[in-house]
Amino acid sequence: MWSKYSMLRTTLLINDNVDIKYAKVIALLIRQGNGYKPMKAKIFCRNDLNRLLSEAPDDYYLQMKVALIIGLAGTCRCDELIKLTLHDIQDNGDILVVKIPDSKTKMQITFVITNETINGTSVHGIYRKYVSLRSAKTEHTRFFVNYIKGKCTIQVIGKNTIAKIPYKIAKYLELPDAEGYTGHSFRRTSASLLVDAGGDLLSLKRHGGWRSTNVAEGYLGESIVKKSKVSNQITCGMLSSKVSGEHQMNSTNIDKYRFQR
């Protein structure tokens, strides 16, 4: 109902200069929406990603590995991965510098991919292998091209193919509810890994390009690692208060004993 109301309001405002922002309508939509929980794309854990990069055969999963590496490093959306070109990625040897010239927020995004080694598998090695398989007959500069049985074709891949990659990865890893891994999973996984590693709200907003604090705080609230740290702080605080109280009581008893003596 919210989406239909929003589309109707925007259409009337643009075409007829009529604004239907009525308080009673909004109040009704709020009441109708009580208890509604939107479906969110599922998140990969670090161990799952390491398994894919180090164990999955390149004959079928090489392109997916490259999309995963770039998508996680830059919290990329599907559209951003599709529009990525060869000129947007600069291989400087020890680092890969990636630029997203046209993001959803109309801002250029630049991020770096370091050369991590996962169970003997080099992240840069995966990228360079995919680039080396690019056909010399390819006339366009789009980075992601169709990949079949260890070979790249000249045909570009579309949004549906990119959006299906998280699902195919989940199927390979035999994760439950593989259908829940959508094109937004890379972005959510990247933000969650940053938060779990100790990233604060400011670094999270810069990393994901979020202007809304509420959106970024949602990732902080969903982090199990953050919740565990808070729980430990509360528990340690309770224990320290208990020890301090017992110490104070013992001191009081000793003083009382001395007074009686």
C-alpha atoms as a PDB file:
ATOM      1  CA  MET A   1       0.000   0.000   0.000  1.00  0.00           C
ATOM      2  CA  TRP A   2       2.856   2.362   0.778  1.00  0.00           C
ATOM      3  CA  SER A   3       4.442   1.813  -2.636  1.00  0.00           C
ATOM      4  CA  LYS A   4       1.158   2.356  -4.507  1.00  0.00           C
ATOM      5  CA  TYR A   5       0.424   5.496  -2.511  1.00  0.00           C
ATOM      6  CA  SER A   6       3.934   6.816  -3.182  1.00  0.00           C
ATOM      7  CA  MET A   7       3.674   6.192  -6.936  1.00  0.00           C
ATOM      8  CA  LEU A   8       0.220   7.756  -7.113  1.00  0.00           C
ATOM      9  CA  ARG A   9       1.312  10.789  -5.119  1.00  0.00           C
ATOM     10  CA  THR A  10       4.411  11.344  -7.287  1.00  0.00           C
ATOM     11  CA  THR A  11       2.435  10.933 -10.532  1.00  0.00           C
ATOM     12  CA  LEU A  12      -0.266  13.421  -9.500  1.00  0.00           C
ATOM     13  CA  LEU A  13       2.321  15.894  -8.246  1.00  0.00           C
ATOM     14  CA  ILE A  14       4.311  15.810 -11.497  1.00  0.00           C
ATOM     15  CA  ASN A  15       1.433  15.749 -13.985  1.00  0.00           C
ATOM     16  CA  ASP A  16      -1.300  17.731 -12.217  1.00  0.00           C
ATOM     17  CA  ASN A  17       0.570  19.622  -9.483  1.00  0.00           C
ATOM     18  CA  VAL A  18      -1.694  18.009  -6.888  1.00  0.00           C
ATOM     19  CA  ASP A  19      -0.205  16.793  -3.591  1.00  0.00           C
ATOM     20  CA  ILE A  20      -2.196  14.077  -1.810  1.00  0.00           C
ATOM     21  CA  LYS A  21      -0.167  14.187   1.382  1.00  0.00           C
ATOM     22  CA  TYR A  22      -3.192  13.864   3.653  1.00  0.00           C
ATOM     23  CA  ALA A  23      -2.676  13.216   7.354  1.00  0.00           C
ATOM     24  CA  LYS A  24      -5.556  10.734   7.614  1.00  0.00           C
ATOM     25  CA  VAL A  25      -4.289   8.689   4.665  1.00  0.00           C
ATOM     26  CA  ILE A  26      -0.798   8.495   6.132  1.00  0.00           C
ATOM     27  CA  ALA A  27      -2.190   7.567   9.549  1.00  0.00           C
ATOM     28  CA  LEU A  28      -4.227   4.778   7.922  1.00  0.00           C
ATOM     29  CA  LEU A  29      -1.187   3.421   6.105  1.00  0.00           C
ATOM     30  CA  ILE A  30       0.822   3.462   9.337  1.00  0.00           C
ATOM     31  CA  ARG A  31      -1.897   1.497  11.157  1.00  0.00           C
ATOM     32  CA  GLN A  32      -2.156  -0.998   8.316  1.00  0.00           C
ATOM     33  CA  GLY A  33       1.604  -1.472   8.334  1.00  0.00           C
ATOM     34  CA  ASN A  34       1.895  -2.348  12.032  1.00  0.00           C
ATOM     35  CA  GLY A  35       3.670  -5.670  12.442  1.00  0.00           C
ATOM     36  CA  TYR A  36       4.908  -5.782   8.837  1.00  0.00           C
ATOM     37  CA  LYS A  37       8.501  -6.965   8.468  1.00  0.00           C
ATOM     38  CA  PRO A  38      10.063  -6.571   5.015  1.00  0.00           C
ATOM     39  CA  MET A  39      12.011  -9.479   3.599  1.00  0.00           C
ATOM     40  CA  LYS A  40      15.752  -8.850   3.595  1.00  0.00           C
ATOM     41  CA  ALA A  41      18.417 -10.552   1.517  1.00  0.00           C
ATOM     42  CA  LYS A  42      20.322 -13.191   3.458  1.00  0.00           C
ATOM     43  CA  ILE A  43      23.952 -12.676   4.441  1.00  0.00           C
ATOM     44  CA  PHE A  44      26.981 -14.894   3.842  1.00  0.00           C
ATOM     45  CA  CYS A  45      29.390 -15.555   6.691  1.00  0.00           C
ATOM     46  CA  ARG A  46      33.153 -15.239   6.288  1.00  0.00           C
ATOM     47  CA  ASN A  47      33.768 -18.993   6.411  1.00  0.00           C
ATOM     48  CA  ASP A  48      31.283 -19.576   3.569  1.00  0.00           C
ATOM     49  CA  LEU A  49      33.036 -17.009   1.388  1.00  0.00           C
ATOM     50  CA  ASN A  50      36.455 -18.487   2.103  1.00  0.00           C
ATOM     51  CA  ARG A  51      35.166 -21.923   1.140  1.00  0.00           C
ATOM     52  CA  LEU A  52      33.873 -20.668  -2.179  1.00  0.00           C
ATOM     53  CA  LEU A  53      37.051 -18.792  -3.126  1.00  0.00           C
ATOM     54  CA  SER A  54      39.379 -21.640  -2.230  1.00  0.00           C
ATOM     55  CA  GLU A  55      37.356 -24.762  -3.090  1.00  0.00           C
ATOM     56  CA  ALA A  56      34.880 -24.003  -5.900  1.00  0.00           C
ATOM     57  CA  PRO A  57      36.120 -25.070  -9.382  1.00  0.00           C
ATOM     58  CA  ASP A  58      37.081 -22.167 -11.635  1.00  0.00           C
ATOM     59  CA  ASP A  59      35.575 -23.820 -14.713  1.00  0.00           C
ATOM     60  CA  TYR A  60      32.141 -22.775 -13.489  1.00  0.00           C
ATOM     61  CA  TYR A  61      32.587 -20.373 -10.577  1.00  0.00           C
ATOM     62  CA  LEU A  62      35.448 -18.084 -11.674  1.00  0.00           C
ATOM     63  CA  GLN A  63      33.167 -15.261 -12.810  1.00  0.00           C
ATOM     64  CA  MET A  64      31.095 -15.594  -9.640  1.00  0.00           C
ATOM     65  CA  LYS A  65      34.245 -15.372  -7.518  1.00  0.00           C
ATOM     66  CA  VAL A  66      35.294 -12.131  -9.227  1.00  0.00           C
ATOM     67  CA  ALA A  67      31.800 -10.651  -8.800  1.00  0.00           C
ATOM     68  CA  LEU A  68      31.894 -11.664  -5.141  1.00  0.00           C
ATOM     69  CA  ILE A  69      35.301 -10.062  -4.544  1.00  0.00           C
ATOM     70  CA  ILE A  70      34.376  -6.763  -6.191  1.00  0.00           C
ATOM     71  CA  GLY A  71      30.858  -6.725  -4.780  1.00  0.00           C
ATOM     72  CA  LEU A  72      32.037  -7.209  -1.198  1.00  0.00           C
ATOM     73  CA  ALA A  73      34.978  -4.806  -1.399  1.00  0.00           C
ATOM     74  CA  GLY A  74      32.797  -1.963  -2.667  1.00  0.00           C
ATOM     75  CA  THR A  75      29.313  -2.871  -1.336  1.00  0.00           C
ATOM     76  CA  CYS A  76      28.278  -2.811  -4.984  1.00  0.00           C
ATOM     77  CA  ARG A  77      24.744  -2.949  -6.294  1.00  0.00           C
ATOM     78  CA  CYS A  78      23.821  -5.125  -9.277  1.00  0.00           C
ATOM     79  CA  ASP A  79      23.610  -2.112 -11.606  1.00  0.00           C
ATOM     80  CA  GLU A  80      27.071  -0.971 -10.567  1.00  0.00           C
ATOM     81  CA  LEU A  81      28.583  -4.383 -11.303  1.00  0.00           C
ATOM     82  CA  ILE A  82      26.869  -4.519 -14.680  1.00  0.00           C
ATOM     83  CA  LYS A  83      28.135  -1.088 -15.773  1.00  0.00           C
ATOM     84  CA  LEU A  84      31.684  -1.741 -14.590  1.00  0.00           C
ATOM     85  CA  THR A  85      34.252  -1.379 -17.402  1.00  0.00           C
ATOM     86  CA  LEU A  86      37.887  -2.358 -17.865  1.00  0.00           C
ATOM     87  CA  HIS A  87      38.898   1.292 -17.421  1.00  0.00           C
ATOM     88  CA  ASP A  88      37.253   1.399 -13.983  1.00  0.00           C
ATOM     89  CA  ILE A  89      39.712  -1.132 -12.513  1.00  0.00           C
ATOM     90  CA  GLN A  90      43.403  -0.282 -12.198  1.00  0.00           C
ATOM     91  CA  ASP A  91      45.839  -3.082 -11.319  1.00  0.00           C
ATOM     92  CA  ASN A  92      48.713  -1.519  -9.358  1.00  0.00           C
ATOM     93  CA  GLY A  93      50.359  -4.814  -8.487  1.00  0.00           C
ATOM     94  CA  ASP A  94      49.818  -4.922  -4.732  1.00  0.00           C
ATOM     95  CA  ILE A  95      46.340  -3.384  -4.854  1.00  0.00           C
ATOM     96  CA  LEU A  96      43.406  -3.087  -7.249  1.00  0.00           C
ATOM     97  CA  VAL A  97      41.826   0.366  -7.390  1.00  0.00           C
ATOM     98  CA  VAL A  98      38.187   0.264  -8.486  1.00  0.00           C
ATOM     99  CA  LYS A  99      36.090   3.299  -9.400  1.00  0.00           C
ATOM    100  CA  ILE A 100      32.309   3.309  -9.703  1.00  0.00           C
ATOM    101  CA  PRO A 101      31.696   6.467 -11.770  1.00  0.00           C
ATOM    102  CA  ASP A 102      27.892   6.408 -11.668  1.00  0.00           C
ATOM    103  CA  SER A 103      26.476   5.134  -8.398  1.00  0.00           C
ATOM    104  CA  LYS A 104      22.861   5.324  -7.223  1.00  0.00           C
ATOM    105  CA  THR A 105      23.727   8.370  -5.115  1.00  0.00           C
ATOM    106  CA  LYS A 106      25.167  10.186  -8.188  1.00  0.00           C
ATOM    107  CA  MET A 107      28.609  10.154  -6.601  1.00  0.00           C
ATOM    108  CA  GLN A 108      31.839   8.531  -7.776  1.00  0.00           C
ATOM    109  CA  ILE A 109      32.904   5.747  -5.437  1.00  0.00           C
ATOM    110  CA  THR A 110      36.494   4.538  -5.188  1.00  0.00           C
ATOM    111  CA  PHE A 111      37.613   1.500  -3.220  1.00  0.00           C
ATOM    112  CA  VAL A 112      40.644  -0.782  -3.003  1.00  0.00           C
ATOM    113  CA  ILE A 113      41.002  -4.568  -3.148  1.00  0.00           C
ATOM    114  CA  THR A 114      44.081  -5.887  -1.357  1.00  0.00           C
ATOM    115  CA  ASN A 115      45.812  -9.131  -2.266  1.00  0.00           C
ATOM    116  CA  GLU A 116      44.607 -11.486   0.455  1.00  0.00           C
ATOM    117  CA  THR A 117      45.507 -15.195   0.367  1.00  0.00           C
ATOM    118  CA  ILE A 118      42.763 -17.609   1.411  1.00  0.00           C
ATOM    119  CA  ASN A 119      43.858 -21.199   1.939  1.00  0.00           C
ATOM    120  CA  GLY A 120      46.579 -20.728  -0.662  1.00  0.00           C
ATOM    121  CA  THR A 121      44.293 -18.926  -3.136  1.00  0.00           C
ATOM    122  CA  SER A 122      45.210 -15.363  -4.100  1.00  0.00           C
ATOM    123  CA  VAL A 123      42.370 -12.866  -4.464  1.00  0.00           C
ATOM    124  CA  HIS A 124      44.293 -10.939  -7.133  1.00  0.00           C
ATOM    125  CA  GLY A 125      45.098 -14.215  -8.854  1.00  0.00           C
ATOM    126  CA  ILE A 126      41.375 -14.921  -9.271  1.00  0.00           C
ATOM    127  CA  TYR A 127      40.822 -11.480 -10.799  1.00  0.00           C
ATOM    128  CA  ARG A 128      43.796 -11.704 -13.154  1.00  0.00           C
ATOM    129  CA  LYS A 129      42.836 -15.169 -14.336  1.00  0.00           C
ATOM    130  CA  TYR A 130      39.379 -13.930 -15.332  1.00  0.00           C
ATOM    131  CA  VAL A 131      40.832 -10.911 -17.154  1.00  0.00           C
ATOM    132  CA  SER A 132      43.348 -13.076 -19.023  1.00  0.00           C
ATOM    133  CA  LEU A 133      40.528 -15.241 -20.424  1.00  0.00           C
ATOM    134  CA  ARG A 134      38.854 -12.252 -22.069  1.00  0.00           C
ATOM    135  CA  SER A 135      38.546 -12.753 -25.814  1.00  0.00           C
ATOM    136  CA  ALA A 136      40.675 -10.530 -28.062  1.00  0.00           C
ATOM    137  CA  LYS A 137      37.624 -10.121 -30.304  1.00  0.00           C
ATOM    138  CA  THR A 138      35.681  -8.293 -27.604  1.00  0.00           C
ATOM    139  CA  GLU A 139      34.998  -4.795 -28.924  1.00  0.00           C
ATOM    140  CA  HIS A 140      33.226  -3.311 -25.904  1.00  0.00           C
ATOM    141  CA  THR A 141      34.832  -2.415 -22.554  1.00  0.00           C
ATOM    142  CA  ARG A 142      32.236  -3.885 -20.216  1.00  0.00           C
ATOM    143  CA  PHE A 143      34.078  -5.884 -17.571  1.00  0.00           C
ATOM    144  CA  PHE A 144      31.679  -8.749 -16.910  1.00  0.00           C
ATOM    145  CA  VAL A 145      31.122 -10.930 -19.960  1.00  0.00           C
ATOM    146  CA  ASN A 146      29.512 -14.326 -20.326  1.00  0.00           C
ATOM    147  CA  TYR A 147      31.625 -17.180 -18.915  1.00  0.00           C
ATOM    148  CA  ILE A 148      31.029 -20.800 -19.976  1.00  0.00           C
ATOM    149  CA  LYS A 149      33.157 -23.867 -19.205  1.00  0.00           C
ATOM    150  CA  GLY A 150      36.325 -21.953 -18.486  1.00  0.00           C
ATOM    151  CA  LYS A 151      36.056 -19.543 -21.419  1.00  0.00           C
ATOM    152  CA  CYS A 152      34.829 -15.968 -21.810  1.00  0.00           C
ATOM    153  CA  THR A 153      32.589 -14.982 -24.698  1.00  0.00           C
ATOM    154  CA  ILE A 154      32.125 -11.498 -26.120  1.00  0.00           C
ATOM    155  CA  GLN A 155      28.530 -11.263 -24.885  1.00  0.00           C
ATOM    156  CA  VAL A 156      27.872  -9.029 -21.886  1.00  0.00           C
ATOM    157  CA  ILE A 157      25.831 -10.327 -18.968  1.00  0.00           C
ATOM    158  CA  GLY A 158      22.661  -8.650 -17.747  1.00  0.00           C
ATOM    159  CA  LYS A 159      21.118  -7.715 -14.436  1.00  0.00           C
ATOM    160  CA  ASN A 160      19.300 -11.013 -13.962  1.00  0.00           C
ATOM    161  CA  THR A 161      22.538 -12.990 -14.336  1.00  0.00           C
ATOM    162  CA  ILE A 162      24.326 -10.799 -11.776  1.00  0.00           C
ATOM    163  CA  ALA A 163      21.379 -10.955  -9.376  1.00  0.00           C
ATOM    164  CA  LYS A 164      21.357 -14.774  -9.542  1.00  0.00           C
ATOM    165  CA  ILE A 165      25.019 -15.134  -8.518  1.00  0.00           C
ATOM    166  CA  PRO A 166      24.403 -15.074  -4.725  1.00  0.00           C
ATOM    167  CA  TYR A 167      21.731 -17.758  -5.153  1.00  0.00           C
ATOM    168  CA  LYS A 168      24.107 -19.979  -7.150  1.00  0.00           C
ATOM    169  CA  ILE A 169      26.823 -19.473  -4.549  1.00  0.00           C
ATOM    170  CA  ALA A 170      24.419 -20.462  -1.780  1.00  0.00           C
ATOM    171  CA  LYS A 171      23.425 -23.567  -3.743  1.00  0.00           C
ATOM    172  CA  TYR A 172      27.067 -24.605  -4.099  1.00  0.00           C
ATOM    173  CA  LEU A 173      27.685 -24.055  -0.379  1.00  0.00           C
ATOM    174  CA  GLU A 174      24.478 -26.012   0.389  1.00  0.00           C
ATOM    175  CA  LEU A 175      23.146 -23.203   2.567  1.00  0.00           C
ATOM    176  CA  PRO A 176      19.550 -23.432   3.787  1.00  0.00           C
ATOM    177  CA  ASP A 177      16.960 -21.250   2.036  1.00  0.00           C
ATOM    178  CA  ALA A 178      19.214 -20.508  -0.948  1.00  0.00           C
ATOM    179  CA  GLU A 179      16.374 -18.522  -2.553  1.00  0.00           C
ATOM    180  CA  GLY A 180      16.836 -15.901   0.154  1.00  0.00           C
ATOM    181  CA  TYR A 181      20.233 -14.920  -1.268  1.00  0.00           C
ATOM    182  CA  THR A 182      19.485 -12.199  -3.810  1.00  0.00           C
ATOM    183  CA  GLY A 183      21.360  -9.517  -5.704  1.00  0.00           C
ATOM    184  CA  HIS A 184      21.388  -7.393  -2.538  1.00  0.00           C
ATOM    185  CA  SER A 185      23.219 -10.085  -0.536  1.00  0.00           C
ATOM    186  CA  PHE A 186      26.684  -8.844  -1.537  1.00  0.00           C
ATOM    187  CA  ARG A 187      25.922  -5.346  -0.267  1.00  0.00           C
ATOM    188  CA  ARG A 188      24.413  -6.560   3.006  1.00  0.00           C
ATOM    189  CA  THR A 189      27.216  -9.068   3.548  1.00  0.00           C
ATOM    190  CA  SER A 190      29.883  -6.406   2.986  1.00  0.00           C
ATOM    191  CA  ALA A 191      28.290  -4.046   5.506  1.00  0.00           C
ATOM    192  CA  SER A 192      27.838  -6.841   8.051  1.00  0.00           C
ATOM    193  CA  LEU A 193      31.457  -7.989   7.761  1.00  0.00           C
ATOM    194  CA  LEU A 194      32.651  -4.424   8.329  1.00  0.00           C
ATOM    195  CA  VAL A 195      30.483  -4.039  11.433  1.00  0.00           C
ATOM    196  CA  ASP A 196      31.538  -7.432  12.797  1.00  0.00           C
ATOM    197  CA  ALA A 197      35.181  -6.411  12.339  1.00  0.00           C
ATOM    198  CA  GLY A 198      34.622  -3.375  14.584  1.00  0.00           C
ATOM    199  CA  GLY A 199      33.563  -0.700  12.094  1.00  0.00           C
ATOM    200  CA  ASP A 200      31.662   2.226  13.592  1.00  0.00           C
ATOM    201  CA  LEU A 201      28.672   4.100  12.212  1.00  0.00           C
ATOM    202  CA  LEU A 202      30.718   6.726  10.345  1.00  0.00           C
ATOM    203  CA  SER A 203      32.947   4.186   8.585  1.00  0.00           C
ATOM    204  CA  LEU A 204      29.873   2.130   7.695  1.00  0.00           C
ATOM    205  CA  LYS A 205      28.100   5.114   6.107  1.00  0.00           C
ATOM    206  CA  ARG A 206      31.200   5.999   4.100  1.00  0.00           C
ATOM    207  CA  HIS A 207      31.727   2.411   3.014  1.00  0.00           C
ATOM    208  CA  GLY A 208      28.181   1.880   1.799  1.00  0.00           C
ATOM    209  CA  GLY A 209      27.520   5.434   0.625  1.00  0.00           C
ATOM    210  CA  TRP A 210      24.488   5.739   2.907  1.00  0.00           C
ATOM    211  CA  ARG A 211      23.276   9.210   3.756  1.00  0.00           C
ATOM    212  CA  SER A 212      20.561   7.917   6.077  1.00  0.00           C
ATOM    213  CA  THR A 213      21.758   7.171   9.584  1.00  0.00           C
ATOM    214  CA  ASN A 214      18.718   4.958  10.187  1.00  0.00           C
ATOM    215  CA  VAL A 215      19.670   2.633   7.323  1.00  0.00           C
ATOM    216  CA  ALA A 216      23.263   2.331   8.518  1.00  0.00           C
ATOM    217  CA  GLU A 217      22.199   1.783  12.133  1.00  0.00           C
ATOM    218  CA  GLY A 218      20.129  -1.175  10.958  1.00  0.00           C
ATOM    219  CA  TYR A 219      23.327  -3.023  10.084  1.00  0.00           C
ATOM    220  CA  LEU A 220      24.828  -2.178  13.476  1.00  0.00           C
ATOM    221  CA  GLY A 221      21.731  -3.534  15.181  1.00  0.00           C
ATOM    222  CA  GLU A 222      21.786  -6.791  13.219  1.00  0.00           C
ATOM    223  CA  SER A 223      25.415  -7.624  14.005  1.00  0.00           C
ATOM    224  CA  ILE A 224      25.662 -10.697  16.258  1.00  0.00           C
ATOM    225  CA  VAL A 225      29.269  -9.805  17.076  1.00  0.00           C
ATOM    226  CA  LYS A 226      28.220  -6.336  18.232  1.00  0.00           C
ATOM    227  CA  LYS A 227      25.422  -7.837  20.334  1.00  0.00           C
ATOM    228  CA  SER A 228      27.878 -10.301  21.883  1.00  0.00           C
ATOM    229  CA  LYS A 229      30.271  -7.476  22.804  1.00  0.00           C
ATOM    230  CA  VAL A 230      27.437  -5.505  24.420  1.00  0.00           C
ATOM    231  CA  SER A 231      26.367  -8.611  26.344  1.00  0.00           C
ATOM    232  CA  ASN A 232      29.928  -9.165  27.562  1.00  0.00           C
ATOM    233  CA  GLN A 233      30.188  -5.546  28.680  1.00  0.00           C
ATOM    234  CA  ILE A 234      26.929  -5.838  30.619  1.00  0.00           C
ATOM    235  CA  THR A 235      27.923  -9.145  32.174  1.00  0.00           C
ATOM    236  CA  CYS A 236      31.390  -7.918  33.126  1.00  0.00           C
ATOM    237  CA  GLY A 237      29.845  -4.785  34.612  1.00  0.00           C
ATOM    238  CA  MET A 238      27.466  -6.876  36.723  1.00  0.00           C
ATOM    239  CA  LEU A 239      30.275  -9.134  37.948  1.00  0.00           C
ATOM    240  CA  SER A 240      32.553  -6.214  38.774  1.00  0.00           C
ATOM    241  CA  SER A 241      29.720  -4.536  40.696  1.00  0.00           C
ATOM    242  CA  LYS A 242      29.100  -7.759  42.599  1.00  0.00           C
ATOM    243  CA  VAL A 243      32.777  -8.173  43.491  1.00  0.00           C
ATOM    244  CA  SER A 244      32.964  -4.534  44.540  1.00  0.00           C
ATOM    245  CA  GLY A 245      29.884  -4.979  46.729  1.00  0.00           C
ATOM    246  CA  GLU A 246      31.257  -8.124  48.353  1.00  0.00           C
ATOM    247  CA  HIS A 247      34.577  -6.388  48.996  1.00  0.00           C
ATOM    248  CA  GLN A 248      32.767  -3.477  50.615  1.00  0.00           C
ATOM    249  CA  MET A 249      30.733  -5.839  52.812  1.00  0.00           C
ATOM    250  CA  ASN A 250      33.868  -7.701  53.883  1.00  0.00           C
ATOM    251  CA  SER A 251      35.531  -4.411  54.778  1.00  0.00           C
ATOM    252  CA  THR A 252      32.486  -3.428  56.855  1.00  0.00           C
ATOM    253  CA  ASN A 253      32.513  -6.754  58.724  1.00  0.00           C
ATOM    254  CA  ILE A 254      36.217  -6.376  59.496  1.00  0.00           C
ATOM    255  CA  ASP A 255      35.696  -2.849  60.851  1.00  0.00           C
ATOM    256  CA  LYS A 256      32.763  -4.103  62.940  1.00  0.00           C
ATOM    257  CA  TYR A 257      34.895  -6.920  64.351  1.00  0.00           C
ATOM    258  CA  ARG A 258      37.672  -4.473  65.244  1.00  0.00           C
ATOM    259  CA  PHE A 259      35.136  -2.176  66.955  1.00  0.00           C
ATOM    260  CA  GLN A 260      33.838  -5.082  69.050  1.00  0.00           C
ATOM    261  CA  ARG A 261      37.361  -6.074  70.030  1.00  0.00           C
END
